[in-house]
Amino acid sequence: MVLKADRQIFAPAFSGDSDGVRLSVRVTPRAGRTGIDGLVVDADGRASVQVRLAAAPVEGAANASLIAALAAALNFRKRDITIRSGSTSRQKILHLAGDAPAIIERLEHLLTPTGP
């Protein structure tokens, strides 16, 4: 279920910390194409950014594809995105290093729906 971008929804999906932003991501590997689908809420009410990846989850290919896709979408360096937890699961916690307010602004812009 993709939700509208709303300040109340953004808070659980990502948050600033002392050296960047913590980002919750839900990955769907082996998709038809790579893309960022917006926000989803799981059964426990936790919001995550939904990302489809064409890569298979074999030998880190999906994780590398995830980092590359987010780096391209956010105009970010790949080395500034790290997987903090969930490297072998669909639900992951990432860390985006840098200025937290600027990163949050980029994420909000990326996740804000455009038009009908």
PDB file of N, CA and C in Angstrom:
ATOM      1  N   MET A   1       0.841  -1.171   0.000  1.00  0.00           N
ATOM      2  CA  MET A   1       0.000   0.000   0.000  1.00  0.00           C
ATOM      3  C   MET A   1       0.894   1.244   0.000  1.00  0.00           C
ATOM      4  N   VAL A   2       0.858   2.008  -1.038  1.00  0.00           N
ATOM      5  CA  VAL A   2       1.636   3.232  -1.119  1.00  0.00           C
ATOM      6  C   VAL A   2       0.809   4.364  -0.534  1.00  0.00           C
ATOM      7  N   LEU A   3       1.412   5.120   0.345  1.00  0.00           N
ATOM      8  CA  LEU A   3       0.707   6.191   1.035  1.00  0.00           C
ATOM      9  C   LEU A   3       1.133   7.550   0.521  1.00  0.00           C
ATOM     10  N   LYS A   4       0.287   8.539   0.717  1.00  0.00           N
ATOM     11  CA  LYS A   4       0.636   9.901   0.365  1.00  0.00           C
ATOM     12  C   LYS A   4       1.753  10.403   1.266  1.00  0.00           C
ATOM     13  N   ALA A   5       2.602  11.273   0.728  1.00  0.00           N
ATOM     14  CA  ALA A   5       3.659  11.881   1.530  1.00  0.00           C
ATOM     15  C   ALA A   5       3.022  12.828   2.543  1.00  0.00           C
ATOM     16  N   ASP A   6       3.273  12.580   3.778  1.00  0.00           N
ATOM     17  CA  ASP A   6       2.668  13.346   4.856  1.00  0.00           C
ATOM     18  C   ASP A   6       3.675  13.418   5.995  1.00  0.00           C
ATOM     19  N   ARG A   7       3.798  14.557   6.650  1.00  0.00           N
ATOM     20  CA  ARG A   7       4.768  14.714   7.732  1.00  0.00           C
ATOM     21  C   ARG A   7       4.607  13.636   8.794  1.00  0.00           C
ATOM     22  N   GLN A   8       3.380  13.220   9.100  1.00  0.00           N
ATOM     23  CA  GLN A   8       3.148  12.199  10.117  1.00  0.00           C
ATOM     24  C   GLN A   8       3.694  10.844   9.677  1.00  0.00           C
ATOM     25  N   ILE A   9       3.702  10.583   8.403  1.00  0.00           N
ATOM     26  CA  ILE A   9       4.207   9.311   7.888  1.00  0.00           C
ATOM     27  C   ILE A   9       5.723   9.354   7.768  1.00  0.00           C
ATOM     28  N   PHE A  10       6.291  10.480   7.380  1.00  0.00           N
ATOM     29  CA  PHE A  10       7.737  10.572   7.206  1.00  0.00           C
ATOM     30  C   PHE A  10       8.501  10.273   8.487  1.00  0.00           C
ATOM     31  N   ALA A  11       8.001  10.698   9.620  1.00  0.00           N
ATOM     32  CA  ALA A  11       8.748  10.558  10.874  1.00  0.00           C
ATOM     33  C   ALA A  11       9.202   9.127  11.131  1.00  0.00           C
ATOM     34  N   PRO A  12       8.342   8.112  11.008  1.00  0.00           N
ATOM     35  CA  PRO A  12       8.823   6.759  11.294  1.00  0.00           C
ATOM     36  C   PRO A  12       9.730   6.189  10.201  1.00  0.00           C
ATOM     37  N   ALA A  13       9.612   6.637   8.963  1.00  0.00           N
ATOM     38  CA  ALA A  13      10.415   6.076   7.874  1.00  0.00           C
ATOM     39  C   ALA A  13      11.854   6.565   7.902  1.00  0.00           C
ATOM     40  N   PHE A  14      12.084   7.791   8.340  1.00  0.00           N
ATOM     41  CA  PHE A  14      13.455   8.285   8.461  1.00  0.00           C
ATOM     42  C   PHE A  14      13.542   9.333   9.549  1.00  0.00           C
ATOM     43  N   SER A  15      14.726   9.406  10.134  1.00  0.00           N
ATOM     44  CA  SER A  15      14.956  10.372  11.204  1.00  0.00           C
ATOM     45  C   SER A  15      16.417  10.776  11.208  1.00  0.00           C
ATOM     46  N   GLY A  16      16.663  12.007  11.614  1.00  0.00           N
ATOM     47  CA  GLY A  16      18.019  12.523  11.681  1.00  0.00           C
ATOM     48  C   GLY A  16      18.734  12.035  12.926  1.00  0.00           C
ATOM     49  N   ASP A  17      20.045  11.900  12.819  1.00  0.00           N
ATOM     50  CA  ASP A  17      20.876  11.618  13.981  1.00  0.00           C
ATOM     51  C   ASP A  17      22.102  12.523  13.925  1.00  0.00           C
ATOM     52  N   SER A  18      23.083  12.274  14.752  1.00  0.00           N
ATOM     53  CA  SER A  18      24.209  13.201  14.880  1.00  0.00           C
ATOM     54  C   SER A  18      25.047  13.333  13.615  1.00  0.00           C
ATOM     55  N   ASP A  19      25.092  12.304  12.780  1.00  0.00           N
ATOM     56  CA  ASP A  19      25.944  12.378  11.592  1.00  0.00           C
ATOM     57  C   ASP A  19      25.221  12.011  10.297  1.00  0.00           C
ATOM     58  N   GLY A  20      23.895  12.159  10.265  1.00  0.00           N
ATOM     59  CA  GLY A  20      23.165  11.873   9.041  1.00  0.00           C
ATOM     60  C   GLY A  20      21.726  11.502   9.308  1.00  0.00           C
ATOM     61  N   VAL A  21      21.224  10.536   8.534  1.00  0.00           N
ATOM     62  CA  VAL A  21      19.820  10.137   8.611  1.00  0.00           C
ATOM     63  C   VAL A  21      19.725   8.612   8.640  1.00  0.00           C
ATOM     64  N   ARG A  22      18.847   8.113   9.497  1.00  0.00           N
ATOM     65  CA  ARG A  22      18.503   6.693   9.573  1.00  0.00           C
ATOM     66  C   ARG A  22      17.280   6.499   8.690  1.00  0.00           C
ATOM     67  N   LEU A  23      17.341   5.543   7.761  1.00  0.00           N
ATOM     68  CA  LEU A  23      16.280   5.329   6.784  1.00  0.00           C
ATOM     69  C   LEU A  23      15.830   3.876   6.799  1.00  0.00           C
ATOM     70  N   SER A  24      14.531   3.654   6.960  1.00  0.00           N
ATOM     71  CA  SER A  24      13.960   2.316   6.909  1.00  0.00           C
ATOM     72  C   SER A  24      13.504   2.038   5.478  1.00  0.00           C
ATOM     73  N   VAL A  25      13.913   0.891   4.936  1.00  0.00           N
ATOM     74  CA  VAL A  25      13.635   0.552   3.541  1.00  0.00           C
ATOM     75  C   VAL A  25      13.053  -0.854   3.464  1.00  0.00           C
ATOM     76  N   ARG A  26      12.056  -1.027   2.621  1.00  0.00           N
ATOM     77  CA  ARG A  26      11.481  -2.345   2.307  1.00  0.00           C
ATOM     78  C   ARG A  26      11.836  -2.633   0.855  1.00  0.00           C
ATOM     79  N   VAL A  27      12.581  -3.717   0.611  1.00  0.00           N
ATOM     80  CA  VAL A  27      13.116  -4.034  -0.713  1.00  0.00           C
ATOM     81  C   VAL A  27      12.341  -5.194  -1.339  1.00  0.00           C
ATOM     82  N   THR A  28      12.069  -5.063  -2.631  1.00  0.00           N
ATOM     83  CA  THR A  28      11.498  -6.154  -3.411  1.00  0.00           C
ATOM     84  C   THR A  28      12.497  -6.500  -4.510  1.00  0.00           C
ATOM     85  N   PRO A  29      13.299  -7.573  -4.309  1.00  0.00           N
ATOM     86  CA  PRO A  29      14.270  -7.958  -5.339  1.00  0.00           C
ATOM     87  C   PRO A  29      13.599  -8.679  -6.500  1.00  0.00           C
ATOM     88  N   ARG A  30      14.338  -8.831  -7.575  1.00  0.00           N
ATOM     89  CA  ARG A  30      13.871  -9.505  -8.799  1.00  0.00           C
ATOM     90  C   ARG A  30      12.620  -8.859  -9.392  1.00  0.00           C
ATOM     91  N   ALA A  31      12.508  -7.551  -9.257  1.00  0.00           N
ATOM     92  CA  ALA A  31      11.377  -6.822  -9.842  1.00  0.00           C
ATOM     93  C   ALA A  31      11.642  -6.615 -11.338  1.00  0.00           C
ATOM     94  N   GLY A  32      10.639  -6.208 -12.047  1.00  0.00           N
ATOM     95  CA  GLY A  32      10.784  -5.965 -13.473  1.00  0.00           C
ATOM     96  C   GLY A  32      11.739  -4.825 -13.777  1.00  0.00           C
ATOM     97  N   ARG A  33      11.790  -3.857 -12.879  1.00  0.00           N
ATOM     98  CA  ARG A  33      12.705  -2.722 -13.037  1.00  0.00           C
ATOM     99  C   ARG A  33      13.015  -2.147 -11.664  1.00  0.00           C
ATOM    100  N   THR A  34      14.080  -1.389 -11.591  1.00  0.00           N
ATOM    101  CA  THR A  34      14.476  -0.745 -10.342  1.00  0.00           C
ATOM    102  C   THR A  34      13.755   0.583 -10.211  1.00  0.00           C
ATOM    103  N   GLY A  35      13.209   0.849  -9.025  1.00  0.00           N
ATOM    104  CA  GLY A  35      12.515   2.115  -8.803  1.00  0.00           C
ATOM    105  C   GLY A  35      12.105   2.299  -7.360  1.00  0.00           C
ATOM    106  N   ILE A  36      11.855   3.546  -6.995  1.00  0.00           N
ATOM    107  CA  ILE A  36      11.396   3.884  -5.651  1.00  0.00           C
ATOM    108  C   ILE A  36       9.901   4.150  -5.741  1.00  0.00           C
ATOM    109  N   ASP A  37       9.116   3.391  -4.953  1.00  0.00           N
ATOM    110  CA  ASP A  37       7.660   3.424  -5.062  1.00  0.00           C
ATOM    111  C   ASP A  37       6.963   4.300  -4.039  1.00  0.00           C
ATOM    112  N   GLY A  38       7.676   4.872  -3.107  1.00  0.00           N
ATOM    113  CA  GLY A  38       7.029   5.702  -2.095  1.00  0.00           C
ATOM    114  C   GLY A  38       7.092   5.045  -0.731  1.00  0.00           C
ATOM    115  N   LEU A  39       6.108   5.359   0.090  1.00  0.00           N
ATOM    116  CA  LEU A  39       6.079   4.852   1.454  1.00  0.00           C
ATOM    117  C   LEU A  39       5.084   3.712   1.594  1.00  0.00           C
ATOM    118  N   VAL A  40       5.427   2.733   2.422  1.00  0.00           N
ATOM    119  CA  VAL A  40       4.534   1.637   2.765  1.00  0.00           C
ATOM    120  C   VAL A  40       4.506   1.514   4.279  1.00  0.00           C
ATOM    121  N   VAL A  41       3.426   0.968   4.794  1.00  0.00           N
ATOM    122  CA  VAL A  41       3.298   0.733   6.230  1.00  0.00           C
ATOM    123  C   VAL A  41       3.076  -0.757   6.428  1.00  0.00           C
ATOM    124  N   ASP A  42       3.891  -1.370   7.291  1.00  0.00           N
ATOM    125  CA  ASP A  42       3.732  -2.802   7.535  1.00  0.00           C
ATOM    126  C   ASP A  42       2.613  -3.059   8.541  1.00  0.00           C
ATOM    127  N   ALA A  43       2.388  -4.309   8.869  1.00  0.00           N
ATOM    128  CA  ALA A  43       1.299  -4.685   9.774  1.00  0.00           C
ATOM    129  C   ALA A  43       1.472  -4.103  11.173  1.00  0.00           C
ATOM    130  N   ASP A  44       2.707  -3.821  11.559  1.00  0.00           N
ATOM    131  CA  ASP A  44       2.983  -3.239  12.873  1.00  0.00           C
ATOM    132  C   ASP A  44       2.871  -1.715  12.882  1.00  0.00           C
ATOM    133  N   GLY A  45       2.552  -1.132  11.736  1.00  0.00           N
ATOM    134  CA  GLY A  45       2.399   0.314  11.645  1.00  0.00           C
ATOM    135  C   GLY A  45       3.685   1.074  11.403  1.00  0.00           C
ATOM    136  N   ARG A  46       4.766   0.364  11.067  1.00  0.00           N
ATOM    137  CA  ARG A  46       6.038   1.026  10.796  1.00  0.00           C
ATOM    138  C   ARG A  46       6.126   1.409   9.321  1.00  0.00           C
ATOM    139  N   ALA A  47       6.470   2.650   9.059  1.00  0.00           N
ATOM    140  CA  ALA A  47       6.600   3.125   7.678  1.00  0.00           C
ATOM    141  C   ALA A  47       8.008   2.849   7.169  1.00  0.00           C
ATOM    142  N   SER A  48       8.098   2.552   5.882  1.00  0.00           N
ATOM    143  CA  SER A  48       9.366   2.321   5.204  1.00  0.00           C
ATOM    144  C   SER A  48       9.265   2.861   3.791  1.00  0.00           C
ATOM    145  N   VAL A  49      10.402   3.126   3.189  1.00  0.00           N
ATOM    146  CA  VAL A  49      10.455   3.499   1.781  1.00  0.00           C
ATOM    147  C   VAL A  49      10.477   2.192   0.986  1.00  0.00           C
ATOM    148  N   GLN A  50       9.545   2.037   0.054  1.00  0.00           N
ATOM    149  CA  GLN A  50       9.450   0.839  -0.782  1.00  0.00           C
ATOM    150  C   GLN A  50      10.350   1.013  -2.000  1.00  0.00           C
ATOM    151  N   VAL A  51      11.279   0.064  -2.194  1.00  0.00           N
ATOM    152  CA  VAL A  51      12.202   0.107  -3.330  1.00  0.00           C
ATOM    153  C   VAL A  51      12.140  -1.219  -4.070  1.00  0.00           C
ATOM    154  N   ARG A  52      11.894  -1.153  -5.375  1.00  0.00           N
ATOM    155  CA  ARG A  52      11.946  -2.338  -6.242  1.00  0.00           C
ATOM    156  C   ARG A  52      13.332  -2.414  -6.854  1.00  0.00           C
ATOM    157  N   LEU A  53      13.896  -3.630  -6.920  1.00  0.00           N
ATOM    158  CA  LEU A  53      15.224  -3.820  -7.500  1.00  0.00           C
ATOM    159  C   LEU A  53      15.168  -4.918  -8.555  1.00  0.00           C
ATOM    160  N   ALA A  54      15.737  -4.657  -9.709  1.00  0.00           N
ATOM    161  CA  ALA A  54      15.803  -5.673 -10.755  1.00  0.00           C
ATOM    162  C   ALA A  54      16.805  -6.761 -10.378  1.00  0.00           C
ATOM    163  N   ALA A  55      17.765  -6.447  -9.552  1.00  0.00           N
ATOM    164  CA  ALA A  55      18.808  -7.396  -9.163  1.00  0.00           C
ATOM    165  C   ALA A  55      18.256  -8.492  -8.263  1.00  0.00           C
ATOM    166  N   ALA A  56      18.865  -9.673  -8.373  1.00  0.00           N
ATOM    167  CA  ALA A  56      18.513 -10.792  -7.501  1.00  0.00           C
ATOM    168  C   ALA A  56      19.295 -10.675  -6.191  1.00  0.00           C
ATOM    169  N   PRO A  57      18.752 -11.223  -5.115  1.00  0.00           N
ATOM    170  CA  PRO A  57      19.452 -11.154  -3.833  1.00  0.00           C
ATOM    171  C   PRO A  57      20.548 -12.223  -3.726  1.00  0.00           C
ATOM    172  N   VAL A  58      21.514 -12.153  -4.620  1.00  0.00           N
ATOM    173  CA  VAL A  58      22.595 -13.140  -4.680  1.00  0.00           C
ATOM    174  C   VAL A  58      23.932 -12.430  -4.533  1.00  0.00           C
ATOM    175  N   GLU A  59      24.726 -12.871  -3.574  1.00  0.00           N
ATOM    176  CA  GLU A  59      26.085 -12.363  -3.368  1.00  0.00           C
ATOM    177  C   GLU A  59      26.135 -10.841  -3.268  1.00  0.00           C
ATOM    178  N   GLY A  60      25.147 -10.238  -2.632  1.00  0.00           N
ATOM    179  CA  GLY A  60      25.156  -8.800  -2.397  1.00  0.00           C
ATOM    180  C   GLY A  60      24.737  -7.939  -3.570  1.00  0.00           C
ATOM    181  N   ALA A  61      24.291  -8.558  -4.657  1.00  0.00           N
ATOM    182  CA  ALA A  61      23.906  -7.781  -5.845  1.00  0.00           C
ATOM    183  C   ALA A  61      22.731  -6.855  -5.557  1.00  0.00           C
ATOM    184  N   ALA A  62      21.732  -7.335  -4.822  1.00  0.00           N
ATOM    185  CA  ALA A  62      20.565  -6.507  -4.510  1.00  0.00           C
ATOM    186  C   ALA A  62      20.954  -5.355  -3.586  1.00  0.00           C
ATOM    187  N   ASN A  63      21.820  -5.597  -2.609  1.00  0.00           N
ATOM    188  CA  ASN A  63      22.263  -4.520  -1.714  1.00  0.00           C
ATOM    189  C   ASN A  63      23.040  -3.456  -2.484  1.00  0.00           C
ATOM    190  N   ALA A  64      23.911  -3.877  -3.383  1.00  0.00           N
ATOM    191  CA  ALA A  64      24.665  -2.918  -4.202  1.00  0.00           C
ATOM    192  C   ALA A  64      23.727  -2.118  -5.097  1.00  0.00           C
ATOM    193  N   SER A  65      22.721  -2.804  -5.649  1.00  0.00           N
ATOM    194  CA  SER A  65      21.734  -2.130  -6.495  1.00  0.00           C
ATOM    195  C   SER A  65      20.908  -1.134  -5.688  1.00  0.00           C
ATOM    196  N   LEU A  66      20.546  -1.498  -4.462  1.00  0.00           N
ATOM    197  CA  LEU A  66      19.793  -0.605  -3.576  1.00  0.00           C
ATOM    198  C   LEU A  66      20.577   0.670  -3.310  1.00  0.00           C
ATOM    199  N   ILE A  67      21.833   0.529  -2.947  1.00  0.00           N
ATOM    200  CA  ILE A  67      22.671   1.696  -2.656  1.00  0.00           C
ATOM    201  C   ILE A  67      22.831   2.558  -3.900  1.00  0.00           C
ATOM    202  N   ALA A  68      23.054   1.932  -5.058  1.00  0.00           N
ATOM    203  CA  ALA A  68      23.202   2.694  -6.303  1.00  0.00           C
ATOM    204  C   ALA A  68      21.913   3.436  -6.659  1.00  0.00           C
ATOM    205  N   ALA A  69      20.759   2.790  -6.494  1.00  0.00           N
ATOM    206  CA  ALA A  69      19.476   3.420  -6.831  1.00  0.00           C
ATOM    207  C   ALA A  69      19.195   4.614  -5.920  1.00  0.00           C
ATOM    208  N   LEU A  70      19.420   4.453  -4.620  1.00  0.00           N
ATOM    209  CA  LEU A  70      19.195   5.573  -3.695  1.00  0.00           C
ATOM    210  C   LEU A  70      20.184   6.703  -3.940  1.00  0.00           C
ATOM    211  N   ALA A  71      21.431   6.351  -4.212  1.00  0.00           N
ATOM    212  CA  ALA A  71      22.434   7.384  -4.487  1.00  0.00           C
ATOM    213  C   ALA A  71      22.047   8.204  -5.723  1.00  0.00           C
ATOM    214  N   ALA A  72      21.573   7.532  -6.754  1.00  0.00           N
ATOM    215  CA  ALA A  72      21.162   8.236  -7.974  1.00  0.00           C
ATOM    216  C   ALA A  72      19.925   9.093  -7.715  1.00  0.00           C
ATOM    217  N   ALA A  73      18.953   8.553  -7.003  1.00  0.00           N
ATOM    218  CA  ALA A  73      17.705   9.283  -6.762  1.00  0.00           C
ATOM    219  C   ALA A  73      17.909  10.503  -5.868  1.00  0.00           C
ATOM    220  N   LEU A  74      18.856  10.412  -4.934  1.00  0.00           N
ATOM    221  CA  LEU A  74      19.076  11.509  -3.979  1.00  0.00           C
ATOM    222  C   LEU A  74      20.266  12.385  -4.341  1.00  0.00           C
ATOM    223  N   ASN A  75      20.922  12.078  -5.486  1.00  0.00           N
ATOM    224  CA  ASN A  75      22.120  12.806  -5.889  1.00  0.00           C
ATOM    225  C   ASN A  75      23.157  12.743  -4.758  1.00  0.00           C
ATOM    226  N   PHE A  76      23.472  11.527  -4.378  1.00  0.00           N
ATOM    227  CA  PHE A  76      24.301  11.227  -3.228  1.00  0.00           C
ATOM    228  C   PHE A  76      25.476  10.366  -3.662  1.00  0.00           C
ATOM    229  N   ARG A  77      26.555  10.367  -2.905  1.00  0.00           N
ATOM    230  CA  ARG A  77      27.669   9.461  -3.190  1.00  0.00           C
ATOM    231  C   ARG A  77      27.341   8.095  -2.601  1.00  0.00           C
ATOM    232  N   LYS A  78      27.659   7.034  -3.334  1.00  0.00           N
ATOM    233  CA  LYS A  78      27.364   5.679  -2.858  1.00  0.00           C
ATOM    234  C   LYS A  78      28.084   5.383  -1.545  1.00  0.00           C
ATOM    235  N   ARG A  79      29.268   5.902  -1.386  1.00  0.00           N
ATOM    236  CA  ARG A  79      30.041   5.604  -0.168  1.00  0.00           C
ATOM    237  C   ARG A  79      29.421   6.215   1.090  1.00  0.00           C
ATOM    238  N   ASP A  80      28.494   7.166   0.929  1.00  0.00           N
ATOM    239  CA  ASP A  80      27.838   7.790   2.076  1.00  0.00           C
ATOM    240  C   ASP A  80      26.561   7.066   2.501  1.00  0.00           C
ATOM    241  N   ILE A  81      26.243   5.958   1.828  1.00  0.00           N
ATOM    242  CA  ILE A  81      25.070   5.155   2.177  1.00  0.00           C
ATOM    243  C   ILE A  81      25.557   3.795   2.654  1.00  0.00           C
ATOM    244  N   THR A  82      25.197   3.434   3.871  1.00  0.00           N
ATOM    245  CA  THR A  82      25.602   2.141   4.418  1.00  0.00           C
ATOM    246  C   THR A  82      24.381   1.402   4.966  1.00  0.00           C
ATOM    247  N   ILE A  83      24.460   0.082   4.922  1.00  0.00           N
ATOM    248  CA  ILE A  83      23.404  -0.756   5.489  1.00  0.00           C
ATOM    249  C   ILE A  83      23.784  -1.033   6.936  1.00  0.00           C
ATOM    250  N   ARG A  84      22.953  -0.545   7.858  1.00  0.00           N
ATOM    251  CA  ARG A  84      23.217  -0.736   9.286  1.00  0.00           C
ATOM    252  C   ARG A  84      22.662  -2.055   9.794  1.00  0.00           C
ATOM    253  N   SER A  85      21.511  -2.478   9.271  1.00  0.00           N
ATOM    254  CA  SER A  85      20.961  -3.779   9.659  1.00  0.00           C
ATOM    255  C   SER A  85      20.076  -4.305   8.541  1.00  0.00           C
ATOM    256  N   GLY A  86      19.921  -5.636   8.519  1.00  0.00           N
ATOM    257  CA  GLY A  86      19.042  -6.254   7.529  1.00  0.00           C
ATOM    258  C   GLY A  86      19.703  -6.555   6.203  1.00  0.00           C
ATOM    259  N   SER A  87      21.012  -6.744   6.184  1.00  0.00           N
ATOM    260  CA  SER A  87      21.693  -6.958   4.906  1.00  0.00           C
ATOM    261  C   SER A  87      21.205  -8.208   4.171  1.00  0.00           C
ATOM    262  N   THR A  88      20.614  -9.169   4.883  1.00  0.00           N
ATOM    263  CA  THR A  88      20.106 -10.380   4.225  1.00  0.00           C
ATOM    264  C   THR A  88      18.579 -10.472   4.253  1.00  0.00           C
ATOM    265  N   SER A  89      17.902  -9.401   4.631  1.00  0.00           N
ATOM    266  CA  SER A  89      16.434  -9.436   4.659  1.00  0.00           C
ATOM    267  C   SER A  89      15.856  -8.352   3.761  1.00  0.00           C
ATOM    268  N   ARG A  90      14.550  -8.397   3.558  1.00  0.00           N
ATOM    269  CA  ARG A  90      13.877  -7.383   2.738  1.00  0.00           C
ATOM    270  C   ARG A  90      13.749  -6.057   3.478  1.00  0.00           C
ATOM    271  N   GLN A  91      13.613  -6.116   4.785  1.00  0.00           N
ATOM    272  CA  GLN A  91      13.509  -4.902   5.611  1.00  0.00           C
ATOM    273  C   GLN A  91      14.912  -4.507   6.051  1.00  0.00           C
ATOM    274  N   LYS A  92      15.324  -3.284   5.708  1.00  0.00           N
ATOM    275  CA  LYS A  92      16.678  -2.829   6.006  1.00  0.00           C
ATOM    276  C   LYS A  92      16.654  -1.465   6.690  1.00  0.00           C
ATOM    277  N   ILE A  93      17.672  -1.228   7.478  1.00  0.00           N
ATOM    278  CA  ILE A  93      17.912   0.090   8.052  1.00  0.00           C
ATOM    279  C   ILE A  93      19.203   0.603   7.429  1.00  0.00           C
ATOM    280  N   LEU A  94      19.112   1.743   6.771  1.00  0.00           N
ATOM    281  CA  LEU A  94      20.272   2.358   6.132  1.00  0.00           C
ATOM    282  C   LEU A  94      20.677   3.604   6.886  1.00  0.00           C
ATOM    283  N   HIS A  95      21.938   3.997   6.699  1.00  0.00           N
ATOM    284  CA  HIS A  95      22.404   5.271   7.240  1.00  0.00           C
ATOM    285  C   HIS A  95      22.922   6.095   6.076  1.00  0.00           C
ATOM    286  N   LEU A  96      22.427   7.323   5.970  1.00  0.00           N
ATOM    287  CA  LEU A  96      22.887   8.250   4.951  1.00  0.00           C
ATOM    288  C   LEU A  96      23.717   9.311   5.665  1.00  0.00           C
ATOM    289  N   ALA A  97      25.002   9.328   5.413  1.00  0.00           N
ATOM    290  CA  ALA A  97      25.909  10.241   6.100  1.00  0.00           C
ATOM    291  C   ALA A  97      25.848  11.627   5.481  1.00  0.00           C
ATOM    292  N   GLY A  98      25.863  12.649   6.345  1.00  0.00           N
ATOM    293  CA  GLY A  98      25.863  14.025   5.873  1.00  0.00           C
ATOM    294  C   GLY A  98      25.021  14.921   6.760  1.00  0.00           C
ATOM    295  N   ASP A  99      24.643  16.056   6.217  1.00  0.00           N
ATOM    296  CA  ASP A  99      23.842  17.048   6.922  1.00  0.00           C
ATOM    297  C   ASP A  99      22.386  16.571   6.985  1.00  0.00           C
ATOM    298  N   ALA A 100      21.927  16.205   8.181  1.00  0.00           N
ATOM    299  CA  ALA A 100      20.600  15.604   8.341  1.00  0.00           C
ATOM    300  C   ALA A 100      19.467  16.460   7.773  1.00  0.00           C
ATOM    301  N   PRO A 101      19.378  17.762   8.095  1.00  0.00           N
ATOM    302  CA  PRO A 101      18.265  18.540   7.536  1.00  0.00           C
ATOM    303  C   PRO A 101      18.244  18.567   6.007  1.00  0.00           C
ATOM    304  N   ALA A 102      19.408  18.644   5.380  1.00  0.00           N
ATOM    305  CA  ALA A 102      19.468  18.659   3.914  1.00  0.00           C
ATOM    306  C   ALA A 102      19.050  17.309   3.333  1.00  0.00           C
ATOM    307  N   ILE A 103      19.464  16.221   3.976  1.00  0.00           N
ATOM    308  CA  ILE A 103      19.102  14.881   3.506  1.00  0.00           C
ATOM    309  C   ILE A 103      17.603  14.655   3.663  1.00  0.00           C
ATOM    310  N   ILE A 104      17.052  15.072   4.792  1.00  0.00           N
ATOM    311  CA  ILE A 104      15.608  14.929   5.021  1.00  0.00           C
ATOM    312  C   ILE A 104      14.826  15.717   3.981  1.00  0.00           C
ATOM    313  N   GLU A 105      15.299  16.892   3.634  1.00  0.00           N
ATOM    314  CA  GLU A 105      14.634  17.687   2.590  1.00  0.00           C
ATOM    315  C   GLU A 105      14.652  16.940   1.259  1.00  0.00           C
ATOM    316  N   ARG A 106      15.776  16.309   0.909  1.00  0.00           N
ATOM    317  CA  ARG A 106      15.863  15.532  -0.333  1.00  0.00           C
ATOM    318  C   ARG A 106      14.893  14.356  -0.304  1.00  0.00           C
ATOM    319  N   LEU A 107      14.839  13.660   0.840  1.00  0.00           N
ATOM    320  CA  LEU A 107      13.925  12.525   0.963  1.00  0.00           C
ATOM    321  C   LEU A 107      12.472  12.968   0.837  1.00  0.00           C
ATOM    322  N   GLU A 108      12.107  14.048   1.484  1.00  0.00           N
ATOM    323  CA  GLU A 108      10.739  14.557   1.387  1.00  0.00           C
ATOM    324  C   GLU A 108      10.398  14.910  -0.049  1.00  0.00           C
ATOM    325  N   HIS A 109      11.330  15.536  -0.756  1.00  0.00           N
ATOM    326  CA  HIS A 109      11.099  15.895  -2.152  1.00  0.00           C
ATOM    327  C   HIS A 109      10.936  14.628  -3.010  1.00  0.00           C
ATOM    328  N   LEU A 110      11.781  13.630  -2.758  1.00  0.00           N
ATOM    329  CA  LEU A 110      11.718  12.375  -3.524  1.00  0.00           C
ATOM    330  C   LEU A 110      10.398  11.654  -3.286  1.00  0.00           C
ATOM    331  N   LEU A 111       9.899  11.677  -2.063  1.00  0.00           N
ATOM    332  CA  LEU A 111       8.714  10.905  -1.699  1.00  0.00           C
ATOM    333  C   LEU A 111       7.405  11.650  -1.825  1.00  0.00           C
ATOM    334  N   THR A 112       7.468  12.914  -2.177  1.00  0.00           N
ATOM    335  CA  THR A 112       6.249  13.702  -2.341  1.00  0.00           C
ATOM    336  C   THR A 112       5.619  13.370  -3.693  1.00  0.00           C
ATOM    337  N   PRO A 113       4.374  12.919  -3.702  1.00  0.00           N
ATOM    338  CA  PRO A 113       3.721  12.605  -4.970  1.00  0.00           C
ATOM    339  C   PRO A 113       3.571  13.877  -5.817  1.00  0.00           C
ATOM    340  N   THR A 114       3.726  13.699  -7.122  1.00  0.00           N
ATOM    341  CA  THR A 114       3.569  14.822  -8.033  1.00  0.00           C
ATOM    342  C   THR A 114       2.335  14.617  -8.889  1.00  0.00           C
ATOM    343  N   GLY A 115       1.367  15.450  -8.662  1.00  0.00           N
ATOM    344  CA  GLY A 115       0.155  15.437  -9.472  1.00  0.00           C
ATOM    345  C   GLY A 115      -0.719  14.219  -9.264  1.00  0.00           C
ATOM    346  N   PRO A 116      -1.840  14.166  -9.971  1.00  0.00           N
ATOM    347  CA  PRO A 116      -2.793  13.050  -9.838  1.00  0.00           C
ATOM    348  C   PRO A 116      -2.333  11.799 -10.520  1.00  0.00           C
TER     349      PRO A 116
END
